N, C-alpha and C. Protein backbone atom coordinates (compact mmCIF):
# COMPACT_ATOMS: atom_id res chain seq x y z
N MET A 1 1.00 -1.17 -0.08
CA MET A 1 0.12 0.07 -0.09
C MET A 1 0.85 1.49 -0.01
N LYS A 2 1.72 1.08 0.84
CA LYS A 2 2.84 2.30 0.81
C LYS A 2 3.63 2.48 -0.49
N ILE A 3 3.76 1.51 -1.31
CA ILE A 3 4.44 1.71 -2.49
C ILE A 3 3.56 2.42 -3.66
N ILE A 4 2.45 2.08 -3.46
CA ILE A 4 1.46 2.58 -4.40
C ILE A 4 1.08 4.13 -3.90
N LEU A 5 0.95 4.26 -2.52
CA LEU A 5 0.92 5.92 -2.18
C LEU A 5 2.16 6.84 -2.81
N ILE A 6 3.27 6.11 -2.55
CA ILE A 6 4.33 6.88 -2.82
C ILE A 6 4.61 6.87 -4.57
N ILE A 7 4.09 5.68 -5.44
CA ILE A 7 4.03 6.34 -6.51
C ILE A 7 2.99 7.17 -7.07
N TRP A 8 1.95 7.04 -6.88
CA TRP A 8 0.89 8.05 -6.72
C TRP A 8 1.48 9.54 -6.63
N ILE A 9 2.19 9.63 -5.48
CA ILE A 9 2.76 11.07 -5.01
C ILE A 9 3.69 11.57 -5.92
N LEU A 10 4.43 10.64 -6.66
CA LEU A 10 5.54 10.84 -7.45
C LEU A 10 4.89 11.31 -8.75
N PHE A 11 4.08 10.45 -9.22
CA PHE A 11 3.04 10.85 -10.37
C PHE A 11 2.64 12.19 -10.37
N LEU A 12 1.70 12.60 -9.09
CA LEU A 12 1.06 13.68 -9.25
C LEU A 12 2.56 14.93 -8.93
N TRP A 13 3.60 14.65 -8.25
CA TRP A 13 4.64 15.52 -8.55
C TRP A 13 5.38 16.11 -9.62
N GLY A 14 5.19 14.81 -10.26
CA GLY A 14 5.45 14.81 -11.96
C GLY A 14 4.55 15.83 -12.54
N GLN A 15 3.73 15.66 -12.27
CA GLN A 15 2.47 16.26 -13.14
C GLN A 15 2.64 18.35 -12.90
N LEU A 16 2.68 18.22 -11.52
CA LEU A 16 3.39 19.72 -11.48
C LEU A 16 4.29 20.27 -11.82
N LEU A 17 5.59 19.58 -11.87
CA LEU A 17 6.78 19.98 -12.47
C LEU A 17 6.52 20.22 -14.00
N ALA A 18 5.60 19.43 -14.52
CA ALA A 18 5.46 19.72 -16.08
C ALA A 18 5.08 20.82 -16.15
N GLY A 19 4.48 21.59 -15.31
CA GLY A 19 4.09 23.09 -15.65
C GLY A 19 2.47 23.01 -16.45
N PRO A 20 2.30 24.38 -16.19
CA PRO A 20 0.67 24.29 -17.15
C PRO A 20 0.72 24.42 -18.68
N ASP A 21 1.78 24.46 -19.28
CA ASP A 21 2.22 24.29 -20.78
C ASP A 21 1.81 22.94 -21.30
N ASN A 22 1.95 22.36 -19.99
CA ASN A 22 1.99 20.49 -20.82
C ASN A 22 1.25 20.00 -19.62
N VAL A 23 -0.08 19.34 -19.73
CA VAL A 23 -0.71 18.78 -18.55
C VAL A 23 -1.52 17.59 -19.02
N ARG A 24 -0.92 16.90 -18.15
CA ARG A 24 -1.73 15.20 -18.42
C ARG A 24 -2.66 15.11 -17.29
N VAL A 25 -4.00 14.72 -17.87
CA VAL A 25 -5.24 14.89 -16.99
C VAL A 25 -5.20 13.51 -16.47
N VAL A 26 -5.56 13.63 -15.18
CA VAL A 26 -5.80 12.26 -14.10
C VAL A 26 -7.30 12.05 -14.30
N TYR A 27 -7.73 10.57 -14.00
CA TYR A 27 -8.90 10.37 -13.68
C TYR A 27 -9.46 10.66 -12.36
N GLY A 28 -10.50 11.11 -12.14
CA GLY A 28 -11.05 11.56 -11.07
C GLY A 28 -12.52 11.65 -10.57
N THR A 29 -13.37 12.14 -9.85
CA THR A 29 -15.00 12.09 -9.45
C THR A 29 -15.32 13.24 -10.50
N ASN A 30 -16.57 13.12 -10.75
CA ASN A 30 -17.41 14.50 -11.20
C ASN A 30 -17.39 15.69 -10.34
N ILE A 31 -17.96 16.66 -10.81
CA ILE A 31 -17.74 18.09 -9.77
C ILE A 31 -19.00 18.68 -10.13
N LEU A 32 -19.48 19.31 -9.41
CA LEU A 32 -20.83 20.49 -9.46
C LEU A 32 -20.27 21.70 -9.88
N PRO A 33 -20.15 22.31 -11.16
CA PRO A 33 -19.70 23.37 -11.92
C PRO A 33 -20.62 24.74 -11.13
N ASN A 34 -20.16 25.35 -9.70
CA ASN A 34 -20.92 26.28 -9.62
C ASN A 34 -19.69 27.31 -9.16
N GLY A 35 -18.97 27.30 -9.33
CA GLY A 35 -17.91 28.30 -8.95
C GLY A 35 -17.09 28.23 -7.83
N GLN A 36 -17.61 27.43 -6.95
CA GLN A 36 -17.20 27.20 -5.80
C GLN A 36 -15.94 26.21 -5.56
N PHE A 37 -14.88 26.28 -5.12
CA PHE A 37 -14.12 25.15 -5.23
C PHE A 37 -13.39 24.60 -3.83
N ASP A 38 -14.53 23.67 -3.72
CA ASP A 38 -14.58 22.67 -2.69
C ASP A 38 -13.42 22.02 -2.64
N LYS A 39 -12.42 21.93 -1.55
CA LYS A 39 -11.44 21.20 -1.62
C LYS A 39 -11.40 19.62 -1.96
N THR A 40 -12.73 19.19 -1.53
CA THR A 40 -12.83 17.46 -1.50
C THR A 40 -13.33 17.28 -3.38
N GLU A 41 -13.93 18.12 -3.64
CA GLU A 41 -14.46 18.27 -5.16
C GLU A 41 -13.39 17.84 -5.77
N TRP A 42 -11.97 18.55 -5.73
CA TRP A 42 -11.28 18.80 -6.78
C TRP A 42 -9.69 18.11 -6.19
N GLN A 43 -9.85 17.21 -4.92
CA GLN A 43 -8.70 16.53 -4.19
C GLN A 43 -8.25 15.65 -5.20
N ASP A 44 -8.86 15.10 -6.16
CA ASP A 44 -8.12 14.09 -7.02
C ASP A 44 -7.61 14.76 -8.45
N ALA A 45 -7.54 15.78 -8.55
CA ALA A 45 -7.28 16.50 -9.94
C ALA A 45 -5.59 16.94 -9.91
N VAL A 46 -5.28 16.98 -10.92
CA VAL A 46 -3.77 17.46 -11.43
C VAL A 46 -4.34 19.21 -10.93
N VAL A 47 -3.21 19.73 -10.32
CA VAL A 47 -3.59 21.46 -10.40
C VAL A 47 -2.18 21.94 -10.49
N ALA A 48 -2.12 22.65 -11.50
CA ALA A 48 -0.99 23.69 -11.67
C ALA A 48 -1.22 25.03 -11.51
N GLU A 49 -0.19 25.54 -10.86
CA GLU A 49 -0.15 27.10 -10.53
C GLU A 49 0.22 27.98 -12.11
N ALA A 50 -0.69 28.44 -12.55
CA ALA A 50 0.02 29.17 -13.92
C ALA A 50 0.51 30.18 -13.43
N ASP A 51 0.23 31.23 -12.57
CA ASP A 51 1.05 32.10 -12.07
C ASP A 51 0.52 32.47 -10.90
N ASP A 52 0.82 33.71 -10.40
CA ASP A 52 0.42 34.24 -8.94
C ASP A 52 -1.40 34.64 -9.12
N LYS A 53 -1.70 34.45 -10.17
CA LYS A 53 -3.07 35.14 -10.61
C LYS A 53 -4.09 33.93 -10.30
N LEU A 54 -3.68 32.30 -10.83
CA LEU A 54 -4.57 31.56 -11.21
C LEU A 54 -4.07 30.28 -10.71
N LEU A 55 -4.55 29.30 -10.52
CA LEU A 55 -4.36 27.89 -10.20
C LEU A 55 -5.61 26.90 -11.26
N LEU A 56 -4.98 25.92 -11.77
CA LEU A 56 -5.74 25.46 -12.92
C LEU A 56 -5.80 24.13 -12.32
N HIS A 57 -6.85 23.46 -12.52
CA HIS A 57 -7.58 22.11 -12.06
C HIS A 57 -7.91 21.41 -13.18
N PHE A 58 -7.13 20.13 -13.15
CA PHE A 58 -7.72 19.39 -13.99
C PHE A 58 -7.85 17.78 -13.91
N LYS A 59 -9.06 17.29 -14.41
CA LYS A 59 -9.46 15.88 -14.10
C LYS A 59 -10.42 15.36 -15.02
N GLN A 60 -10.68 13.97 -15.53
CA GLN A 60 -11.58 13.63 -16.18
C GLN A 60 -11.98 12.40 -15.80
N ASP A 61 -13.42 11.89 -16.25
CA ASP A 61 -13.74 10.77 -15.99
C ASP A 61 -14.03 9.88 -17.53
N SER A 62 -14.76 8.85 -17.49
CA SER A 62 -14.95 8.17 -18.89
C SER A 62 -15.40 9.23 -19.87
N SER A 63 -16.45 10.09 -19.20
CA SER A 63 -17.34 11.05 -20.56
C SER A 63 -16.59 12.27 -20.32
N TYR A 64 -16.35 12.87 -19.44
CA TYR A 64 -15.89 14.67 -19.42
C TYR A 64 -14.88 14.93 -18.75
N LEU A 65 -14.09 16.06 -19.11
CA LEU A 65 -13.04 16.66 -18.84
C LEU A 65 -13.67 17.94 -17.66
N TYR A 66 -12.84 17.83 -16.90
CA TYR A 66 -13.54 18.89 -15.72
C TYR A 66 -12.04 19.69 -15.96
N ILE A 67 -12.55 21.22 -16.05
CA ILE A 67 -11.38 22.22 -15.87
C ILE A 67 -11.60 23.25 -14.97
N GLY A 68 -11.09 23.35 -13.86
CA GLY A 68 -11.25 24.45 -12.79
C GLY A 68 -10.19 25.95 -13.13
N ILE A 69 -10.67 27.06 -12.90
CA ILE A 69 -9.83 28.22 -13.46
C ILE A 69 -10.18 28.87 -12.13
N GLU A 70 -9.42 28.85 -11.01
CA GLU A 70 -9.57 29.11 -9.46
C GLU A 70 -8.94 30.58 -9.42
N PHE A 71 -9.36 31.66 -9.01
CA PHE A 71 -8.61 32.95 -8.74
C PHE A 71 -7.84 32.68 -7.64
N ALA A 72 -6.41 33.20 -7.71
CA ALA A 72 -5.79 33.35 -6.78
C ALA A 72 -5.77 34.58 -5.88
N ASP A 73 -5.86 35.58 -6.91
CA ASP A 73 -6.09 37.16 -6.06
C ASP A 73 -7.48 38.05 -6.37
N THR A 74 -7.61 38.49 -7.58
CA THR A 74 -8.73 38.84 -8.27
C THR A 74 -10.18 38.13 -8.84
N MET A 75 -11.12 38.46 -8.26
CA MET A 75 -12.18 37.84 -8.94
C MET A 75 -12.71 38.38 -10.55
N HIS A 76 -13.01 37.70 -11.32
CA HIS A 76 -13.44 37.79 -12.56
C HIS A 76 -14.82 37.61 -12.85
N THR A 77 -15.42 38.20 -14.06
CA THR A 77 -16.87 38.38 -14.00
C THR A 77 -17.11 38.03 -15.33
N GLY A 78 -16.27 37.30 -15.83
CA GLY A 78 -16.15 36.20 -17.41
C GLY A 78 -15.06 35.65 -17.84
N ILE A 79 -15.69 34.79 -18.77
CA ILE A 79 -14.32 34.28 -19.80
C ILE A 79 -14.74 33.74 -20.81
N ASP A 80 -13.67 33.56 -21.56
CA ASP A 80 -13.70 32.82 -23.03
C ASP A 80 -12.51 31.85 -22.81
N LEU A 81 -12.80 30.65 -22.52
CA LEU A 81 -12.21 29.41 -22.67
C LEU A 81 -11.93 28.81 -23.79
N TYR A 82 -10.87 29.05 -24.58
CA TYR A 82 -10.44 28.44 -26.22
C TYR A 82 -9.99 27.20 -25.74
N LEU A 83 -10.63 26.22 -26.66
CA LEU A 83 -10.18 24.98 -26.75
C LEU A 83 -9.77 24.22 -28.43
N ALA A 84 -9.07 23.51 -28.52
CA ALA A 84 -8.59 23.08 -29.86
C ALA A 84 -8.18 21.98 -29.74
N GLU A 85 -8.27 21.11 -30.89
CA GLU A 85 -7.83 19.84 -31.15
C GLU A 85 -6.89 19.94 -32.22
N SER A 86 -6.85 21.23 -32.93
CA SER A 86 -5.77 21.34 -34.10
C SER A 86 -5.82 22.79 -34.29
N SER A 87 -5.47 23.28 -35.38
CA SER A 87 -5.47 24.77 -35.87
C SER A 87 -6.88 24.71 -36.36
N ASP A 88 -7.19 23.96 -37.19
CA ASP A 88 -8.40 23.93 -37.74
C ASP A 88 -10.13 23.62 -36.80
N LYS A 89 -9.81 23.06 -35.86
CA LYS A 89 -10.84 22.52 -35.32
C LYS A 89 -10.48 23.30 -33.95
N ARG A 90 -11.34 24.43 -33.53
CA ARG A 90 -11.29 25.37 -32.33
C ARG A 90 -12.69 25.54 -32.08
N LYS A 91 -12.76 25.96 -30.44
CA LYS A 91 -14.12 26.15 -29.83
C LYS A 91 -13.69 27.33 -28.98
N MET A 92 -14.93 28.14 -28.38
CA MET A 92 -14.44 29.26 -27.72
C MET A 92 -15.50 29.25 -26.92
N LEU A 93 -15.59 29.04 -25.33
CA LEU A 93 -16.65 28.58 -24.71
C LEU A 93 -16.73 30.11 -23.89
N HIS A 94 -17.87 30.46 -23.92
CA HIS A 94 -17.90 31.60 -22.98
C HIS A 94 -18.99 31.88 -22.06
N VAL A 95 -18.58 32.22 -21.02
CA VAL A 95 -19.24 32.74 -19.57
C VAL A 95 -19.44 33.93 -18.98
N SER A 96 -20.39 34.48 -18.91
CA SER A 96 -20.77 35.40 -17.96
C SER A 96 -22.03 35.30 -17.20
N SER A 97 -22.94 36.37 -17.51
CA SER A 97 -24.34 36.10 -16.99
C SER A 97 -25.12 35.55 -17.90
N ALA A 98 -24.25 35.09 -19.21
CA ALA A 98 -25.09 34.13 -20.19
C ALA A 98 -23.70 33.22 -20.67
N ILE A 99 -24.46 32.17 -21.39
CA ILE A 99 -23.26 31.16 -21.77
C ILE A 99 -23.56 30.97 -23.16
N GLY A 100 -22.62 30.95 -23.65
CA GLY A 100 -22.46 30.81 -25.46
C GLY A 100 -21.12 30.20 -25.96
N GLU A 101 -21.32 30.08 -27.37
CA GLU A 101 -20.23 29.29 -27.95
C GLU A 101 -19.80 29.74 -29.18
N SER A 102 -18.63 29.78 -29.72
CA SER A 102 -18.42 30.35 -30.78
C SER A 102 -17.24 29.08 -31.50
N GLU A 103 -17.61 28.96 -32.95
CA GLU A 103 -16.35 28.20 -33.92
C GLU A 103 -15.46 28.89 -34.41
N TYR A 104 -13.96 28.20 -34.86
CA TYR A 104 -13.27 29.20 -35.71
C TYR A 104 -13.62 28.11 -36.97
N SER A 105 -13.89 28.95 -37.81
CA SER A 105 -13.95 28.56 -39.39
C SER A 105 -13.37 29.23 -40.37
N SER A 106 -12.88 28.85 -41.60
CA SER A 106 -12.28 29.70 -42.53
C SER A 106 -11.41 31.13 -42.01
N ASN A 107 -10.42 30.49 -41.11
CA ASN A 107 -9.71 31.45 -40.39
C ASN A 107 -10.10 32.57 -39.61
N GLU A 108 -11.42 32.25 -39.19
CA GLU A 108 -12.11 33.53 -38.38
C GLU A 108 -13.24 32.91 -37.44
N TRP A 109 -13.53 33.74 -36.27
CA TRP A 109 -14.21 33.13 -35.13
C TRP A 109 -15.65 33.87 -35.69
N LEU A 110 -16.48 32.54 -35.55
CA LEU A 110 -17.96 32.97 -36.10
C LEU A 110 -18.80 33.42 -34.90
N ASP A 111 -19.54 34.30 -34.99
CA ASP A 111 -20.69 35.00 -34.12
C ASP A 111 -21.07 34.19 -32.89
N ILE A 112 -21.15 34.47 -31.81
CA ILE A 112 -21.28 33.40 -30.59
C ILE A 112 -22.62 33.24 -30.89
N ASN A 113 -23.08 31.47 -30.32
CA ASN A 113 -24.42 31.00 -30.30
C ASN A 113 -24.83 30.98 -29.20
N TRP A 114 -25.50 32.12 -28.06
CA TRP A 114 -25.99 32.37 -26.98
C TRP A 114 -26.72 30.87 -26.73
N GLY A 115 -26.28 30.25 -25.73
CA GLY A 115 -27.15 29.17 -25.05
C GLY A 115 -27.05 27.85 -26.00
N GLY A 116 -26.04 27.98 -26.86
CA GLY A 116 -25.42 27.07 -27.85
C GLY A 116 -24.50 25.93 -27.14
N ASN A 117 -24.51 25.47 -25.72
CA ASN A 117 -23.89 24.92 -25.18
C ASN A 117 -23.88 23.59 -24.88
N GLU A 118 -24.19 22.72 -26.34
CA GLU A 118 -24.43 21.15 -26.51
C GLU A 118 -23.61 20.27 -25.48
N TYR A 119 -22.41 20.65 -25.47
CA TYR A 119 -21.36 19.64 -25.07
C TYR A 119 -20.64 20.13 -23.85
N TRP A 120 -21.14 21.06 -23.52
CA TRP A 120 -20.49 21.56 -21.91
C TRP A 120 -21.18 22.46 -21.13
N ILE A 121 -20.99 22.62 -20.15
CA ILE A 121 -21.33 23.10 -18.93
C ILE A 121 -20.61 23.98 -17.99
N ALA A 122 -21.07 25.44 -17.36
CA ALA A 122 -19.95 26.09 -16.55
C ALA A 122 -21.13 26.76 -15.67
N ASN A 123 -20.33 27.45 -14.63
CA ASN A 123 -21.23 28.13 -13.78
C ASN A 123 -21.01 29.37 -14.43
N SER A 124 -22.35 30.13 -14.43
CA SER A 124 -22.47 31.41 -14.80
C SER A 124 -22.32 32.57 -13.62
N ILE A 125 -22.14 33.42 -14.04
CA ILE A 125 -22.25 34.78 -13.24
C ILE A 125 -23.55 35.15 -12.44
N GLY A 126 -23.94 35.10 -11.45
CA GLY A 126 -25.08 35.36 -10.92
C GLY A 126 -25.15 36.68 -10.30
N SER A 127 -26.17 37.26 -10.26
CA SER A 127 -26.42 38.78 -9.64
C SER A 127 -27.26 38.64 -8.34
N ILE A 128 -27.22 39.44 -7.19
CA ILE A 128 -28.48 39.76 -6.27
C ILE A 128 -28.88 41.27 -6.34
N TYR A 129 -29.84 41.62 -5.57
CA TYR A 129 -30.11 42.57 -5.22
C TYR A 129 -29.64 42.90 -3.92
N VAL A 130 -29.10 43.58 -3.20
CA VAL A 130 -28.75 43.75 -1.62
C VAL A 130 -29.05 45.33 -1.39
N ASP A 131 -30.34 45.69 -0.66
CA ASP A 131 -30.72 47.08 -0.10
C ASP A 131 -30.95 47.54 -1.82
N GLY A 132 -31.52 47.22 -2.57
CA GLY A 132 -31.76 47.81 -3.98
C GLY A 132 -30.64 48.34 -4.65
N LYS A 133 -29.60 47.53 -4.37
CA LYS A 133 -28.29 47.28 -5.28
C LYS A 133 -27.96 46.27 -5.82
N LYS A 134 -27.53 46.23 -7.26
CA LYS A 134 -27.48 45.13 -8.25
C LYS A 134 -25.90 44.68 -7.29
N GLU A 135 -25.56 43.46 -7.03
CA GLU A 135 -24.26 42.83 -6.83
C GLU A 135 -24.06 41.44 -7.46
N VAL A 136 -22.43 41.48 -7.73
CA VAL A 136 -22.47 40.08 -8.48
C VAL A 136 -22.15 39.07 -7.18
N VAL A 137 -22.66 37.90 -7.31
CA VAL A 137 -22.48 37.01 -6.63
C VAL A 137 -21.01 36.30 -6.44
N PRO A 138 -20.30 36.47 -5.47
CA PRO A 138 -18.81 36.12 -5.09
C PRO A 138 -18.32 34.73 -5.86
N LEU A 139 -17.31 34.85 -6.55
CA LEU A 139 -17.01 33.39 -7.19
C LEU A 139 -15.65 33.38 -6.48
N GLU A 140 -15.23 31.88 -6.66
CA GLU A 140 -13.99 31.47 -6.33
C GLU A 140 -12.94 31.05 -7.89
N GLY A 141 -13.75 31.36 -8.71
CA GLY A 141 -13.28 30.85 -10.14
C GLY A 141 -14.15 30.47 -11.15
N PHE A 142 -14.24 29.62 -12.29
CA PHE A 142 -15.01 28.84 -13.32
C PHE A 142 -14.98 27.55 -13.15
N GLU A 143 -15.53 26.79 -13.49
CA GLU A 143 -15.67 25.30 -13.31
C GLU A 143 -16.45 24.60 -14.58
N PHE A 144 -15.72 24.27 -15.38
CA PHE A 144 -16.13 23.44 -16.86
C PHE A 144 -16.36 21.97 -16.76
N GLN A 145 -17.29 21.55 -17.10
CA GLN A 145 -17.47 20.08 -17.34
C GLN A 145 -18.09 20.04 -18.53
N ILE A 146 -16.99 19.38 -19.49
CA ILE A 146 -16.90 19.54 -21.05
C ILE A 146 -16.87 17.93 -21.61
N ASP A 147 -17.94 17.68 -22.48
CA ASP A 147 -18.28 16.28 -23.04
C ASP A 147 -16.79 16.03 -23.92
N LYS A 148 -16.16 14.88 -23.45
CA LYS A 148 -14.92 14.52 -24.20
C LYS A 148 -15.29 14.34 -25.87
N SER A 149 -16.42 14.24 -26.05
CA SER A 149 -16.71 14.03 -27.64
C SER A 149 -17.03 15.23 -28.08
N MET A 150 -16.54 16.44 -27.41
CA MET A 150 -16.59 17.56 -28.47
C MET A 150 -15.43 17.41 -29.44
N PHE A 151 -14.10 16.89 -28.88
CA PHE A 151 -13.15 16.79 -29.92
C PHE A 151 -12.78 15.49 -30.30
N GLU A 152 -12.03 14.93 -31.36
CA GLU A 152 -12.19 13.32 -31.40
C GLU A 152 -10.57 13.07 -31.03
N LYS A 153 -9.86 13.81 -30.93
CA LYS A 153 -8.40 13.54 -30.32
C LYS A 153 -8.44 13.26 -28.66
N ASP A 154 -7.13 12.91 -28.29
CA ASP A 154 -6.97 13.03 -26.88
C ASP A 154 -6.01 14.15 -26.31
N GLU A 155 -5.54 14.79 -27.37
CA GLU A 155 -4.65 15.98 -26.83
C GLU A 155 -5.41 17.07 -27.32
N TRP A 156 -5.83 18.15 -26.50
CA TRP A 156 -6.44 19.02 -27.00
C TRP A 156 -5.44 20.16 -26.14
N TYR A 157 -5.65 21.30 -26.77
CA TYR A 157 -4.94 23.03 -26.47
C TYR A 157 -5.99 23.88 -26.05
N MET A 158 -5.27 24.68 -25.02
CA MET A 158 -6.29 25.73 -24.29
C MET A 158 -5.69 27.09 -24.00
N MET A 159 -6.74 27.95 -24.04
CA MET A 159 -6.52 29.29 -23.91
C MET A 159 -7.25 30.03 -22.96
N ILE A 160 -7.01 30.96 -22.18
CA ILE A 160 -7.90 31.64 -21.17
C ILE A 160 -7.75 33.10 -21.25
N HIS A 161 -9.12 33.56 -21.35
CA HIS A 161 -9.39 34.94 -21.41
C HIS A 161 -10.30 35.29 -20.51
N LEU A 162 -9.62 35.82 -19.27
CA LEU A 162 -10.80 36.19 -18.18
C LEU A 162 -11.12 37.73 -18.61
N LYS A 163 -12.25 38.35 -18.13
CA LYS A 163 -12.68 39.21 -18.09
C LYS A 163 -13.37 40.19 -17.13
N ARG A 164 -13.11 41.48 -16.97
CA ARG A 164 -13.53 42.22 -15.83
C ARG A 164 -12.96 42.12 -14.69
N PRO A 165 -11.58 41.86 -14.50
CA PRO A 165 -10.78 42.69 -15.36
C PRO A 165 -10.04 41.77 -16.39
N GLU A 166 -9.50 42.29 -17.42
CA GLU A 166 -8.93 41.48 -18.59
C GLU A 166 -7.63 40.94 -18.45
N TYR A 167 -7.54 39.50 -18.52
CA TYR A 167 -6.42 38.72 -18.41
C TYR A 167 -6.23 37.68 -19.28
N PHE A 168 -5.05 37.48 -19.85
CA PHE A 168 -5.05 36.23 -20.86
C PHE A 168 -3.62 35.22 -20.16
N TYR A 169 -4.11 34.07 -20.22
CA TYR A 169 -3.10 32.89 -19.69
C TYR A 169 -3.30 31.87 -20.64
N PRO A 170 -2.07 31.60 -21.55
CA PRO A 170 -0.65 31.96 -21.31
C PRO A 170 -0.48 33.53 -21.99
N GLU A 171 -0.02 34.11 -21.20
CA GLU A 171 0.07 35.66 -21.56
C GLU A 171 0.77 35.60 -23.35
N SER A 172 1.45 35.16 -23.62
CA SER A 172 1.98 34.83 -24.70
C SER A 172 1.07 34.23 -26.06
N ALA A 173 0.15 33.67 -25.75
CA ALA A 173 -0.84 33.32 -26.69
C ALA A 173 -1.82 34.23 -27.46
N THR A 174 -2.39 34.01 -28.30
CA THR A 174 -3.15 34.90 -28.94
C THR A 174 -4.39 33.74 -29.58
N THR A 175 -5.78 34.35 -29.82
CA THR A 175 -6.80 33.48 -30.54
C THR A 175 -6.52 33.20 -32.05
N GLU A 176 -5.43 33.86 -32.35
CA GLU A 176 -5.18 33.44 -33.77
C GLU A 176 -4.56 32.32 -34.46
N SER A 177 -3.73 31.70 -32.93
CA SER A 177 -2.57 30.75 -33.10
C SER A 177 -2.69 30.03 -32.02
N ILE A 178 -2.80 28.09 -32.11
CA ILE A 178 -2.62 27.56 -30.87
C ILE A 178 -1.29 27.28 -30.39
N GLU A 179 -0.31 27.98 -30.90
CA GLU A 179 1.27 27.35 -31.05
C GLU A 179 1.62 27.76 -29.27
N GLN A 180 0.95 28.81 -28.74
CA GLN A 180 1.49 28.80 -27.43
C GLN A 180 0.19 28.56 -26.27
N TRP A 181 -0.59 27.51 -26.76
CA TRP A 181 -1.81 27.29 -26.06
C TRP A 181 -1.17 26.28 -25.07
N ILE A 182 -2.12 26.04 -23.98
CA ILE A 182 -1.48 24.99 -22.81
C ILE A 182 -2.05 23.68 -23.76
N LYS A 183 -1.10 22.48 -23.40
CA LYS A 183 -1.44 21.19 -24.32
C LYS A 183 -1.78 20.51 -22.71
N ILE A 184 -3.41 19.95 -23.43
CA ILE A 184 -3.89 18.82 -22.28
C ILE A 184 -3.67 17.54 -23.03
N LEU A 185 -3.36 16.78 -21.89
CA LEU A 185 -3.32 15.16 -22.54
C LEU A 185 -4.09 14.55 -21.80
N MET A 186 -4.97 13.96 -22.54
CA MET A 186 -5.71 12.82 -21.84
C MET A 186 -5.36 11.32 -21.69
């Protein structure tokens, strides 16, 4: 039993050392995508510190890829999560107070299809009224549950564009090329 535990710890340590530019996703249990990072919910995930602003959580089961983007300092109120299996097959998953999706086709991003999230779900941004004043419900980050059939391959690429305030990760990445995006290996 101790040997298995040591091997598991070494495996997870190796995942952390690989850095967020190249993440091998481990198998784990499902999540409740509500934007609250319960420690027991993500305890079986690979966690990579993107920088001093974000922690990235990755795990999968037989059907879904789970991605957690946890704020280390500033709360953001929107995200465009870019995913690809190749330069030709890309999607942008948008979350704010509404959820939508865009595809990359003929070298350009198409208009967002609002509510067109057939293969994924994530926590949206909620608001409440306190003493007649509208306030954003506090979030710890964004949690995604993505059907693995969205793409055919087991190697995906990812870029993050957080909004309000604006922040890109990886910082050198652009929406026009997947060359600097994070590689996700399942």
